[in-house]
């Protein structure tokens, strides 16, 4: 009788993380927006909806929908200041996502 090695290196939570973050990053516009926010945050700048609308040729409603998807999976966090929402990359979730994706190759 053979004893099978544990082949499932990902738990259910990790699989859900990969699925939700990958889904959020599956649209080219969301990748561009995420990258824009990431670079701004790394340079110490804050980013609100208006900044994204000005930087890209997307309507306000389109930007809001894309941001909602990125916030929904946890890749972005929001902070309300007066009547604006500012967006920040969640480096913890990004690192967890990238680390979990690397496990797929193990």
PDB file of N, CA and C in Angstrom:
ATOM      1  N   UNK A   1       0.829  -1.167   0.000  1.00  0.00           N
ATOM      2  CA  UNK A   1       0.000   0.000   0.000  1.00  0.00           C
ATOM      3  C   UNK A   1       0.884   1.244   0.000  1.00  0.00           C
ATOM      4  N   UNK A   2       0.609   2.163  -0.903  1.00  0.00           N
ATOM      5  CA  UNK A   2       1.359   3.421  -0.986  1.00  0.00           C
ATOM      6  C   UNK A   2       0.694   4.492  -0.125  1.00  0.00           C
ATOM      7  N   UNK A   3       1.538   5.287   0.478  1.00  0.00           N
ATOM      8  CA  UNK A   3       1.033   6.442   1.206  1.00  0.00           C
ATOM      9  C   UNK A   3       1.241   7.646   0.308  1.00  0.00           C
ATOM     10  N   UNK A   4       0.162   8.331   0.023  1.00  0.00           N
ATOM     11  CA  UNK A   4       0.244   9.490  -0.871  1.00  0.00           C
ATOM     12  C   UNK A   4       0.743  10.701  -0.103  1.00  0.00           C
ATOM     13  N   UNK A   5       1.627  11.428  -0.735  1.00  0.00           N
ATOM     14  CA  UNK A   5       2.106  12.679  -0.160  1.00  0.00           C
ATOM     15  C   UNK A   5       1.001  13.726  -0.261  1.00  0.00           C
ATOM     16  N   UNK A   6       1.034  14.654   0.670  1.00  0.00           N
ATOM     17  CA  UNK A   6       0.094  15.774   0.614  1.00  0.00           C
ATOM     18  C   UNK A   6       0.434  16.601  -0.617  1.00  0.00           C
ATOM     19  N   UNK A   7      -0.468  16.679  -1.554  1.00  0.00           N
ATOM     20  CA  UNK A   7      -0.197  17.410  -2.796  1.00  0.00           C
ATOM     21  C   UNK A   7      -0.830  18.781  -2.824  1.00  0.00           C
ATOM     22  N   UNK A   8      -1.767  19.021  -1.930  1.00  0.00           N
ATOM     23  CA  UNK A   8      -2.455  20.306  -1.927  1.00  0.00           C
ATOM     24  C   UNK A   8      -1.720  21.269  -1.016  1.00  0.00           C
ATOM     25  N   UNK A   9      -0.908  22.151  -1.612  1.00  0.00           N
ATOM     26  CA  UNK A   9      -0.098  23.077  -0.820  1.00  0.00           C
ATOM     27  C   UNK A   9      -0.831  24.379  -0.511  1.00  0.00           C
ATOM     28  N   UNK A  10      -2.000  24.557  -1.082  1.00  0.00           N
ATOM     29  CA  UNK A  10      -2.782  25.767  -0.850  1.00  0.00           C
ATOM     30  C   UNK A  10      -4.035  25.439  -0.048  1.00  0.00           C
ATOM     31  N   UNK A  11      -4.298  26.249   0.973  1.00  0.00           N
ATOM     32  CA  UNK A  11      -5.547  26.045   1.696  1.00  0.00           C
ATOM     33  C   UNK A  11      -6.656  26.853   1.018  1.00  0.00           C
ATOM     34  N   UNK A  12      -7.868  26.674   1.491  1.00  0.00           N
ATOM     35  CA  UNK A  12      -9.024  27.316   0.860  1.00  0.00           C
ATOM     36  C   UNK A  12      -8.899  28.839   0.864  1.00  0.00           C
ATOM     37  N   UNK A  13      -8.399  29.416   1.956  1.00  0.00           N
ATOM     38  CA  UNK A  13      -8.237  30.875   2.055  1.00  0.00           C
ATOM     39  C   UNK A  13      -7.245  31.391   1.009  1.00  0.00           C
ATOM     40  N   UNK A  14      -6.169  30.648   0.791  1.00  0.00           N
ATOM     41  CA  UNK A  14      -5.168  31.059  -0.212  1.00  0.00           C
ATOM     42  C   UNK A  14      -5.734  30.961  -1.625  1.00  0.00           C
ATOM     43  N   UNK A  15      -6.506  29.944  -1.863  1.00  0.00           N
ATOM     44  CA  UNK A  15      -7.137  29.789  -3.183  1.00  0.00           C
ATOM     45  C   UNK A  15      -8.102  30.944  -3.437  1.00  0.00           C
ATOM     46  N   UNK A  16      -8.892  31.315  -2.425  1.00  0.00           N
ATOM     47  CA  UNK A  16      -9.816  32.445  -2.547  1.00  0.00           C
ATOM     48  C   UNK A  16      -9.056  33.748  -2.785  1.00  0.00           C
ATOM     49  N   UNK A  17      -7.929  33.934  -2.103  1.00  0.00           N
ATOM     50  CA  UNK A  17      -7.117  35.141  -2.278  1.00  0.00           C
ATOM     51  C   UNK A  17      -6.612  35.239  -3.715  1.00  0.00           C
ATOM     52  N   UNK A  18      -6.071  34.151  -4.232  1.00  0.00           N
ATOM     53  CA  UNK A  18      -5.574  34.147  -5.612  1.00  0.00           C
ATOM     54  C   UNK A  18      -6.713  34.453  -6.585  1.00  0.00           C
ATOM     55  N   UNK A  19      -7.845  33.816  -6.382  1.00  0.00           N
ATOM     56  CA  UNK A  19      -8.974  34.007  -7.290  1.00  0.00           C
ATOM     57  C   UNK A  19      -9.479  35.450  -7.266  1.00  0.00           C
ATOM     58  N   UNK A  20      -9.667  36.018  -6.076  1.00  0.00           N
ATOM     59  CA  UNK A  20     -10.240  37.368  -6.004  1.00  0.00           C
ATOM     60  C   UNK A  20      -9.258  38.431  -6.489  1.00  0.00           C
ATOM     61  N   UNK A  21      -7.993  38.324  -6.109  1.00  0.00           N
ATOM     62  CA  UNK A  21      -7.012  39.322  -6.556  1.00  0.00           C
ATOM     63  C   UNK A  21      -6.738  39.191  -8.051  1.00  0.00           C
ATOM     64  N   UNK A  22      -6.658  37.968  -8.536  1.00  0.00           N
ATOM     65  CA  UNK A  22      -6.430  37.764  -9.966  1.00  0.00           C
ATOM     66  C   UNK A  22      -7.598  38.294 -10.779  1.00  0.00           C
ATOM     67  N   UNK A  23      -8.800  38.080 -10.277  1.00  0.00           N
ATOM     68  CA  UNK A  23      -9.992  38.601 -10.950  1.00  0.00           C
ATOM     69  C   UNK A  23      -9.948  40.129 -10.991  1.00  0.00           C
ATOM     70  N   UNK A  24      -9.551  40.744  -9.892  1.00  0.00           N
ATOM     71  CA  UNK A  24      -9.480  42.210  -9.843  1.00  0.00           C
ATOM     72  C   UNK A  24      -8.418  42.747 -10.797  1.00  0.00           C
ATOM     73  N   UNK A  25      -7.343  42.018 -10.967  1.00  0.00           N
ATOM     74  CA  UNK A  25      -6.259  42.460 -11.848  1.00  0.00           C
ATOM     75  C   UNK A  25      -6.409  41.949 -13.280  1.00  0.00           C
ATOM     76  N   UNK A  26      -7.537  41.308 -13.577  1.00  0.00           N
ATOM     77  CA  UNK A  26      -7.733  40.721 -14.900  1.00  0.00           C
ATOM     78  C   UNK A  26      -8.068  41.740 -15.980  1.00  0.00           C
ATOM     79  N   UNK A  27      -8.364  42.955 -15.600  1.00  0.00           N
ATOM     80  CA  UNK A  27      -8.709  43.994 -16.575  1.00  0.00           C
ATOM     81  C   UNK A  27      -7.524  44.942 -16.735  1.00  0.00           C
ATOM     82  N   UNK A  28      -7.116  45.225 -17.972  1.00  0.00           N
ATOM     83  CA  UNK A  28      -5.965  46.111 -18.206  1.00  0.00           C
ATOM     84  C   UNK A  28      -6.085  47.480 -17.524  1.00  0.00           C
ATOM     85  N   UNK A  29      -7.286  48.041 -17.499  1.00  0.00           N
ATOM     86  CA  UNK A  29      -7.469  49.350 -16.859  1.00  0.00           C
ATOM     87  C   UNK A  29      -7.193  49.262 -15.362  1.00  0.00           C
ATOM     88  N   UNK A  30      -7.612  48.167 -14.733  1.00  0.00           N
ATOM     89  CA  UNK A  30      -7.369  48.019 -13.298  1.00  0.00           C
ATOM     90  C   UNK A  30      -5.884  47.843 -13.003  1.00  0.00           C
ATOM     91  N   UNK A  31      -5.176  47.172 -13.882  1.00  0.00           N
ATOM     92  CA  UNK A  31      -3.718  47.044 -13.702  1.00  0.00           C
ATOM     93  C   UNK A  31      -3.076  48.420 -13.799  1.00  0.00           C
ATOM     94  N   UNK A  32      -3.478  49.210 -14.778  1.00  0.00           N
ATOM     95  CA  UNK A  32      -2.926  50.564 -14.932  1.00  0.00           C
ATOM     96  C   UNK A  32      -3.233  51.432 -13.711  1.00  0.00           C
ATOM     97  N   UNK A  33      -4.459  51.362 -13.242  1.00  0.00           N
ATOM     98  CA  UNK A  33      -4.858  52.156 -12.076  1.00  0.00           C
ATOM     99  C   UNK A  33      -4.095  51.696 -10.838  1.00  0.00           C
ATOM    100  N   UNK A  34      -4.014  50.393 -10.641  1.00  0.00           N
ATOM    101  CA  UNK A  34      -3.295  49.851  -9.481  1.00  0.00           C
ATOM    102  C   UNK A  34      -1.826  50.286  -9.513  1.00  0.00           C
ATOM    103  N   UNK A  35      -1.221  50.185 -10.669  1.00  0.00           N
ATOM    104  CA  UNK A  35       0.190  50.579 -10.827  1.00  0.00           C
ATOM    105  C   UNK A  35       0.374  52.081 -10.567  1.00  0.00           C
ATOM    106  N   UNK A  36      -0.550  52.883 -11.044  1.00  0.00           N
ATOM    107  CA  UNK A  36      -0.515  54.331 -10.821  1.00  0.00           C
ATOM    108  C   UNK A  36      -0.561  54.638  -9.320  1.00  0.00           C
ATOM    109  N   UNK A  37      -1.471  53.998  -8.615  1.00  0.00           N
ATOM    110  CA  UNK A  37      -1.604  54.225  -7.174  1.00  0.00           C
ATOM    111  C   UNK A  37      -0.362  53.704  -6.443  1.00  0.00           C
ATOM    112  N   UNK A  38       0.120  52.550  -6.837  1.00  0.00           N
ATOM    113  CA  UNK A  38       1.308  51.969  -6.206  1.00  0.00           C
ATOM    114  C   UNK A  38       2.506  52.917  -6.334  1.00  0.00           C
ATOM    115  N   UNK A  39       2.742  53.391  -7.537  1.00  0.00           N
ATOM    116  CA  UNK A  39       3.877  54.301  -7.760  1.00  0.00           C
ATOM    117  C   UNK A  39       3.720  55.603  -6.982  1.00  0.00           C
ATOM    118  N   UNK A  40       2.516  56.150  -6.964  1.00  0.00           N
ATOM    119  CA  UNK A  40       2.274  57.386  -6.222  1.00  0.00           C
ATOM    120  C   UNK A  40       2.514  57.166  -4.731  1.00  0.00           C
ATOM    121  N   UNK A  41       1.987  56.057  -4.204  1.00  0.00           N
ATOM    122  CA  UNK A  41       2.183  55.755  -2.786  1.00  0.00           C
ATOM    123  C   UNK A  41       3.657  55.569  -2.444  1.00  0.00           C
ATOM    124  N   UNK A  42       4.393  54.896  -3.319  1.00  0.00           N
ATOM    125  CA  UNK A  42       5.817  54.681  -3.067  1.00  0.00           C
ATOM    126  C   UNK A  42       6.589  56.008  -3.086  1.00  0.00           C
ATOM    127  N   UNK A  43       6.069  56.985  -3.822  1.00  0.00           N
ATOM    128  CA  UNK A  43       6.694  58.311  -3.878  1.00  0.00           C
ATOM    129  C   UNK A  43       6.166  59.225  -2.757  1.00  0.00           C
ATOM    130  N   UNK A  44       5.299  58.689  -1.901  1.00  0.00           N
ATOM    131  CA  UNK A  44       4.778  59.453  -0.792  1.00  0.00           C
ATOM    132  C   UNK A  44       3.595  60.343  -1.125  1.00  0.00           C
ATOM    133  N   UNK A  45       2.980  60.111  -2.287  1.00  0.00           N
ATOM    134  CA  UNK A  45       1.831  60.923  -2.704  1.00  0.00           C
ATOM    135  C   UNK A  45       0.522  60.179  -2.449  1.00  0.00           C
ATOM    136  N   UNK A  46      -0.510  60.951  -2.152  1.00  0.00           N
ATOM    137  CA  UNK A  46      -1.834  60.365  -2.001  1.00  0.00           C
ATOM    138  C   UNK A  46      -2.548  60.420  -3.350  1.00  0.00           C
ATOM    139  N   UNK A  47      -3.538  59.551  -3.502  1.00  0.00           N
ATOM    140  CA  UNK A  47      -4.278  59.469  -4.761  1.00  0.00           C
ATOM    141  C   UNK A  47      -5.768  59.404  -4.454  1.00  0.00           C
ATOM    142  N   UNK A  48      -6.532  60.285  -5.109  1.00  0.00           N
ATOM    143  CA  UNK A  48      -7.992  60.227  -4.996  1.00  0.00           C
ATOM    144  C   UNK A  48      -8.565  59.965  -6.393  1.00  0.00           C
ATOM    145  N   UNK A  49      -9.877  59.761  -6.447  1.00  0.00           N
ATOM    146  CA  UNK A  49     -10.559  59.504  -7.726  1.00  0.00           C
ATOM    147  C   UNK A  49     -10.202  60.544  -8.782  1.00  0.00           C
ATOM    148  N   UNK A  50     -10.234  61.800  -8.379  1.00  0.00           N
ATOM    149  CA  UNK A  50      -9.972  62.899  -9.313  1.00  0.00           C
ATOM    150  C   UNK A  50      -8.597  62.759  -9.966  1.00  0.00           C
ATOM    151  N   UNK A  51      -7.606  62.346  -9.193  1.00  0.00           N
ATOM    152  CA  UNK A  51      -6.250  62.157  -9.729  1.00  0.00           C
ATOM    153  C   UNK A  51      -6.224  61.087 -10.818  1.00  0.00           C
ATOM    154  N   UNK A  52      -6.987  60.035 -10.592  1.00  0.00           N
ATOM    155  CA  UNK A  52      -7.018  58.929 -11.556  1.00  0.00           C
ATOM    156  C   UNK A  52      -7.759  59.341 -12.817  1.00  0.00           C
ATOM    157  N   UNK A  53      -8.877  60.040 -12.654  1.00  0.00           N
ATOM    158  CA  UNK A  53      -9.641  60.518 -13.816  1.00  0.00           C
ATOM    159  C   UNK A  53      -8.769  61.451 -14.659  1.00  0.00           C
ATOM    160  N   UNK A  54      -7.984  62.309 -14.008  1.00  0.00           N
ATOM    161  CA  UNK A  54      -7.107  63.230 -14.737  1.00  0.00           C
ATOM    162  C   UNK A  54      -5.952  62.512 -15.419  1.00  0.00           C
ATOM    163  N   UNK A  55      -5.445  61.441 -14.801  1.00  0.00           N
ATOM    164  CA  UNK A  55      -4.288  60.726 -15.346  1.00  0.00           C
ATOM    165  C   UNK A  55      -4.650  59.806 -16.513  1.00  0.00           C
ATOM    166  N   UNK A  56      -5.885  59.338 -16.536  1.00  0.00           N
ATOM    167  CA  UNK A  56      -6.319  58.393 -17.565  1.00  0.00           C
ATOM    168  C   UNK A  56      -7.537  58.955 -18.285  1.00  0.00           C
ATOM    169  N   UNK A  57      -7.828  58.403 -19.418  1.00  0.00           N
ATOM    170  CA  UNK A  57      -8.982  58.841 -20.196  1.00  0.00           C
ATOM    171  C   UNK A  57     -10.187  57.958 -19.871  1.00  0.00           C
ATOM    172  N   UNK A  58     -10.540  57.896 -18.576  1.00  0.00           N
ATOM    173  CA  UNK A  58     -11.682  57.105 -18.132  1.00  0.00           C
ATOM    174  C   UNK A  58     -12.692  58.035 -17.475  1.00  0.00           C
ATOM    175  N   UNK A  59     -13.954  57.718 -17.630  1.00  0.00           N
ATOM    176  CA  UNK A  59     -15.007  58.480 -16.971  1.00  0.00           C
ATOM    177  C   UNK A  59     -14.969  58.228 -15.467  1.00  0.00           C
ATOM    178  N   UNK A  60     -15.477  59.162 -14.709  1.00  0.00           N
ATOM    179  CA  UNK A  60     -15.526  59.039 -13.246  1.00  0.00           C
ATOM    180  C   UNK A  60     -16.201  57.741 -12.811  1.00  0.00           C
ATOM    181  N   UNK A  61     -17.314  57.409 -13.445  1.00  0.00           N
ATOM    182  CA  UNK A  61     -18.046  56.193 -13.077  1.00  0.00           C
ATOM    183  C   UNK A  61     -17.214  54.943 -13.347  1.00  0.00           C
ATOM    184  N   UNK A  62     -16.486  54.934 -14.447  1.00  0.00           N
ATOM    185  CA  UNK A  62     -15.630  53.798 -14.793  1.00  0.00           C
ATOM    186  C   UNK A  62     -14.518  53.644 -13.771  1.00  0.00           C
ATOM    187  N   UNK A  63     -13.886  54.735 -13.404  1.00  0.00           N
ATOM    188  CA  UNK A  63     -12.824  54.707 -12.397  1.00  0.00           C
ATOM    189  C   UNK A  63     -13.373  54.164 -11.084  1.00  0.00           C
ATOM    190  N   UNK A  64     -14.543  54.626 -10.684  1.00  0.00           N
ATOM    191  CA  UNK A  64     -15.155  54.175  -9.435  1.00  0.00           C
ATOM    192  C   UNK A  64     -15.425  52.675  -9.448  1.00  0.00           C
ATOM    193  N   UNK A  65     -15.897  52.159 -10.571  1.00  0.00           N
ATOM    194  CA  UNK A  65     -16.158  50.720 -10.679  1.00  0.00           C
ATOM    195  C   UNK A  65     -14.861  49.921 -10.569  1.00  0.00           C
ATOM    196  N   UNK A  66     -13.814  50.379 -11.242  1.00  0.00           N
ATOM    197  CA  UNK A  66     -12.531  49.675 -11.179  1.00  0.00           C
ATOM    198  C   UNK A  66     -11.939  49.726  -9.771  1.00  0.00           C
ATOM    199  N   UNK A  67     -12.027  50.881  -9.133  1.00  0.00           N
ATOM    200  CA  UNK A  67     -11.521  51.017  -7.769  1.00  0.00           C
ATOM    201  C   UNK A  67     -12.290  50.123  -6.806  1.00  0.00           C
ATOM    202  N   UNK A  68     -13.583  50.031  -7.009  1.00  0.00           N
ATOM    203  CA  UNK A  68     -14.414  49.183  -6.158  1.00  0.00           C
ATOM    204  C   UNK A  68     -13.961  47.726  -6.222  1.00  0.00           C
ATOM    205  N   UNK A  69     -13.619  47.281  -7.401  1.00  0.00           N
ATOM    206  CA  UNK A  69     -13.157  45.895  -7.580  1.00  0.00           C
ATOM    207  C   UNK A  69     -11.820  45.679  -6.863  1.00  0.00           C
ATOM    208  N   UNK A  70     -10.914  46.641  -6.968  1.00  0.00           N
ATOM    209  CA  UNK A  70      -9.602  46.533  -6.331  1.00  0.00           C
ATOM    210  C   UNK A  70      -9.711  46.632  -4.809  1.00  0.00           C
ATOM    211  N   UNK A  71     -10.626  47.447  -4.329  1.00  0.00           N
ATOM    212  CA  UNK A  71     -10.851  47.564  -2.885  1.00  0.00           C
ATOM    213  C   UNK A  71     -11.517  46.282  -2.367  1.00  0.00           C
ATOM    214  N   UNK A  72     -12.445  45.760  -3.148  1.00  0.00           N
ATOM    215  CA  UNK A  72     -13.189  44.564  -2.754  1.00  0.00           C
ATOM    216  C   UNK A  72     -12.318  43.355  -2.484  1.00  0.00           C
ATOM    217  N   UNK A  73     -11.244  43.211  -3.228  1.00  0.00           N
ATOM    218  CA  UNK A  73     -10.364  42.053  -3.024  1.00  0.00           C
ATOM    219  C   UNK A  73      -9.289  42.347  -1.982  1.00  0.00           C
ATOM    220  N   UNK A  74      -9.188  43.595  -1.558  1.00  0.00           N
ATOM    221  CA  UNK A  74      -8.230  43.940  -0.518  1.00  0.00           C
ATOM    222  C   UNK A  74      -6.932  44.539  -1.004  1.00  0.00           C
ATOM    223  N   UNK A  75      -6.722  44.602  -2.319  1.00  0.00           N
ATOM    224  CA  UNK A  75      -5.465  45.151  -2.834  1.00  0.00           C
ATOM    225  C   UNK A  75      -5.332  46.651  -2.577  1.00  0.00           C
ATOM    226  N   UNK A  76      -6.471  47.346  -2.481  1.00  0.00           N
ATOM    227  CA  UNK A  76      -6.466  48.768  -2.159  1.00  0.00           C
ATOM    228  C   UNK A  76      -7.238  49.010  -0.880  1.00  0.00           C
ATOM    229  N   UNK A  77      -6.791  50.011  -0.141  1.00  0.00           N
ATOM    230  CA  UNK A  77      -7.511  50.477   1.043  1.00  0.00           C
ATOM    231  C   UNK A  77      -7.925  51.918   0.779  1.00  0.00           C
ATOM    232  N   UNK A  78      -9.014  52.334   1.413  1.00  0.00           N
ATOM    233  CA  UNK A  78      -9.480  53.713   1.248  1.00  0.00           C
ATOM    234  C   UNK A  78      -9.442  54.436   2.582  1.00  0.00           C
ATOM    235  N   UNK A  79      -9.268  55.731   2.459  1.00  0.00           N
ATOM    236  CA  UNK A  79      -9.311  56.594   3.630  1.00  0.00           C
ATOM    237  C   UNK A  79     -10.099  57.833   3.240  1.00  0.00           C
ATOM    238  N   UNK A  80     -11.182  58.087   3.957  1.00  0.00           N
ATOM    239  CA  UNK A  80     -12.038  59.247   3.683  1.00  0.00           C
ATOM    240  C   UNK A  80     -11.472  60.482   4.361  1.00  0.00           C
ATOM    241  N   UNK A  81     -11.378  61.560   3.594  1.00  0.00           N
ATOM    242  CA  UNK A  81     -11.015  62.871   4.134  1.00  0.00           C
ATOM    243  C   UNK A  81     -11.980  63.871   3.524  1.00  0.00           C
ATOM    244  N   UNK A  82     -12.772  64.470   4.347  1.00  0.00           N
ATOM    245  CA  UNK A  82     -13.857  65.370   3.947  1.00  0.00           C
ATOM    246  C   UNK A  82     -14.721  64.692   2.887  1.00  0.00           C
ATOM    247  N   UNK A  83     -14.787  65.228   1.688  1.00  0.00           N
ATOM    248  CA  UNK A  83     -15.652  64.634   0.663  1.00  0.00           C
ATOM    249  C   UNK A  83     -14.892  63.785  -0.350  1.00  0.00           C
ATOM    250  N   UNK A  84     -13.652  63.446  -0.067  1.00  0.00           N
ATOM    251  CA  UNK A  84     -12.852  62.633  -0.994  1.00  0.00           C
ATOM    252  C   UNK A  84     -12.397  61.328  -0.355  1.00  0.00           C
ATOM    253  N   UNK A  85     -12.230  60.330  -1.202  1.00  0.00           N
ATOM    254  CA  UNK A  85     -11.654  59.063  -0.777  1.00  0.00           C
ATOM    255  C   UNK A  85     -10.258  58.962  -1.361  1.00  0.00           C
ATOM    256  N   UNK A  86      -9.309  58.623  -0.527  1.00  0.00           N
ATOM    257  CA  UNK A  86      -7.926  58.451  -0.961  1.00  0.00           C
ATOM    258  C   UNK A  86      -7.604  56.963  -0.943  1.00  0.00           C
ATOM    259  N   UNK A  87      -6.806  56.549  -1.916  1.00  0.00           N
ATOM    260  CA  UNK A  87      -6.526  55.132  -2.119  1.00  0.00           C
ATOM    261  C   UNK A  87      -5.063  54.822  -1.859  1.00  0.00           C
ATOM    262  N   UNK A  88      -4.866  53.686  -1.189  1.00  0.00           N
ATOM    263  CA  UNK A  88      -3.528  53.226  -0.837  1.00  0.00           C
ATOM    264  C   UNK A  88      -3.425  51.739  -1.151  1.00  0.00           C
ATOM    265  N   UNK A  89      -2.278  51.334  -1.659  1.00  0.00           N
ATOM    266  CA  UNK A  89      -2.045  49.917  -1.908  1.00  0.00           C
ATOM    267  C   UNK A  89      -1.840  49.231  -0.565  1.00  0.00           C
ATOM    268  N   UNK A  90      -2.522  48.129  -0.375  1.00  0.00           N
ATOM    269  CA  UNK A  90      -2.338  47.323   0.828  1.00  0.00           C
ATOM    270  C   UNK A  90      -1.139  46.414   0.585  1.00  0.00           C
ATOM    271  N   UNK A  91       0.021  46.846   1.076  1.00  0.00           N
ATOM    272  CA  UNK A  91       1.249  46.093   0.825  1.00  0.00           C
ATOM    273  C   UNK A  91       1.199  44.709   1.453  1.00  0.00           C
ATOM    274  N   UNK A  92       0.485  44.565   2.563  1.00  0.00           N
ATOM    275  CA  UNK A  92       0.346  43.253   3.203  1.00  0.00           C
ATOM    276  C   UNK A  92      -0.398  42.274   2.313  1.00  0.00           C
ATOM    277  N   UNK A  93      -1.519  42.709   1.766  1.00  0.00           N
ATOM    278  CA  UNK A  93      -2.307  41.828   0.876  1.00  0.00           C
ATOM    279  C   UNK A  93      -1.543  41.561  -0.408  1.00  0.00           C
ATOM    280  N   UNK A  94      -0.874  42.581  -0.945  1.00  0.00           N
ATOM    281  CA  UNK A  94      -0.094  42.394  -2.170  1.00  0.00           C
ATOM    282  C   UNK A  94       0.998  41.357  -1.943  1.00  0.00           C
ATOM    283  N   UNK A  95       1.719  41.458  -0.833  1.00  0.00           N
ATOM    284  CA  UNK A  95       2.789  40.497  -0.524  1.00  0.00           C
ATOM    285  C   UNK A  95       2.225  39.091  -0.320  1.00  0.00           C
ATOM    286  N   UNK A  96       1.096  39.011   0.363  1.00  0.00           N
ATOM    287  CA  UNK A  96       0.463  37.706   0.593  1.00  0.00           C
ATOM    288  C   UNK A  96       0.015  37.084  -0.735  1.00  0.00           C
ATOM    289  N   UNK A  97      -0.576  37.909  -1.593  1.00  0.00           N
ATOM    290  CA  UNK A  97      -1.017  37.430  -2.908  1.00  0.00           C
ATOM    291  C   UNK A  97       0.165  36.915  -3.730  1.00  0.00           C
ATOM    292  N   UNK A  98       1.217  37.723  -3.806  1.00  0.00           N
ATOM    293  CA  UNK A  98       2.386  37.317  -4.598  1.00  0.00           C
ATOM    294  C   UNK A  98       3.046  36.062  -4.023  1.00  0.00           C
ATOM    295  N   UNK A  99       3.128  35.986  -2.706  1.00  0.00           N
ATOM    296  CA  UNK A  99       3.710  34.798  -2.074  1.00  0.00           C
ATOM    297  C   UNK A  99       2.877  33.554  -2.326  1.00  0.00           C
ATOM    298  N   UNK A 100       1.568  33.706  -2.289  1.00  0.00           N
ATOM    299  CA  UNK A 100       0.673  32.576  -2.515  1.00  0.00           C
ATOM    300  C   UNK A 100       0.736  32.123  -3.973  1.00  0.00           C
ATOM    301  N   UNK A 101       0.818  33.063  -4.890  1.00  0.00           N
ATOM    302  CA  UNK A 101       0.946  32.709  -6.308  1.00  0.00           C
ATOM    303  C   UNK A 101       2.241  31.938  -6.544  1.00  0.00           C
ATOM    304  N   UNK A 102       3.300  32.332  -5.850  1.00  0.00           N
ATOM    305  CA  UNK A 102       4.576  31.595  -5.986  1.00  0.00           C
ATOM    306  C   UNK A 102       4.439  30.134  -5.567  1.00  0.00           C
ATOM    307  N   UNK A 103       3.568  29.873  -4.599  1.00  0.00           N
ATOM    308  CA  UNK A 103       3.351  28.502  -4.139  1.00  0.00           C
ATOM    309  C   UNK A 103       2.815  27.602  -5.260  1.00  0.00           C
ATOM    310  N   UNK A 104       2.158  28.196  -6.246  1.00  0.00           N
ATOM    311  CA  UNK A 104       1.605  27.395  -7.346  1.00  0.00           C
ATOM    312  C   UNK A 104       2.694  26.660  -8.114  1.00  0.00           C
ATOM    313  N   UNK A 105       3.894  27.188  -8.066  1.00  0.00           N
ATOM    314  CA  UNK A 105       5.002  26.618  -8.819  1.00  0.00           C
ATOM    315  C   UNK A 105       5.793  25.600  -7.987  1.00  0.00           C
ATOM    316  N   UNK A 106       5.411  25.405  -6.753  1.00  0.00           N
ATOM    317  CA  UNK A 106       6.144  24.450  -5.888  1.00  0.00           C
ATOM    318  C   UNK A 106       5.695  23.044  -6.089  1.00  0.00           C
TER     319      UNK A 106
END
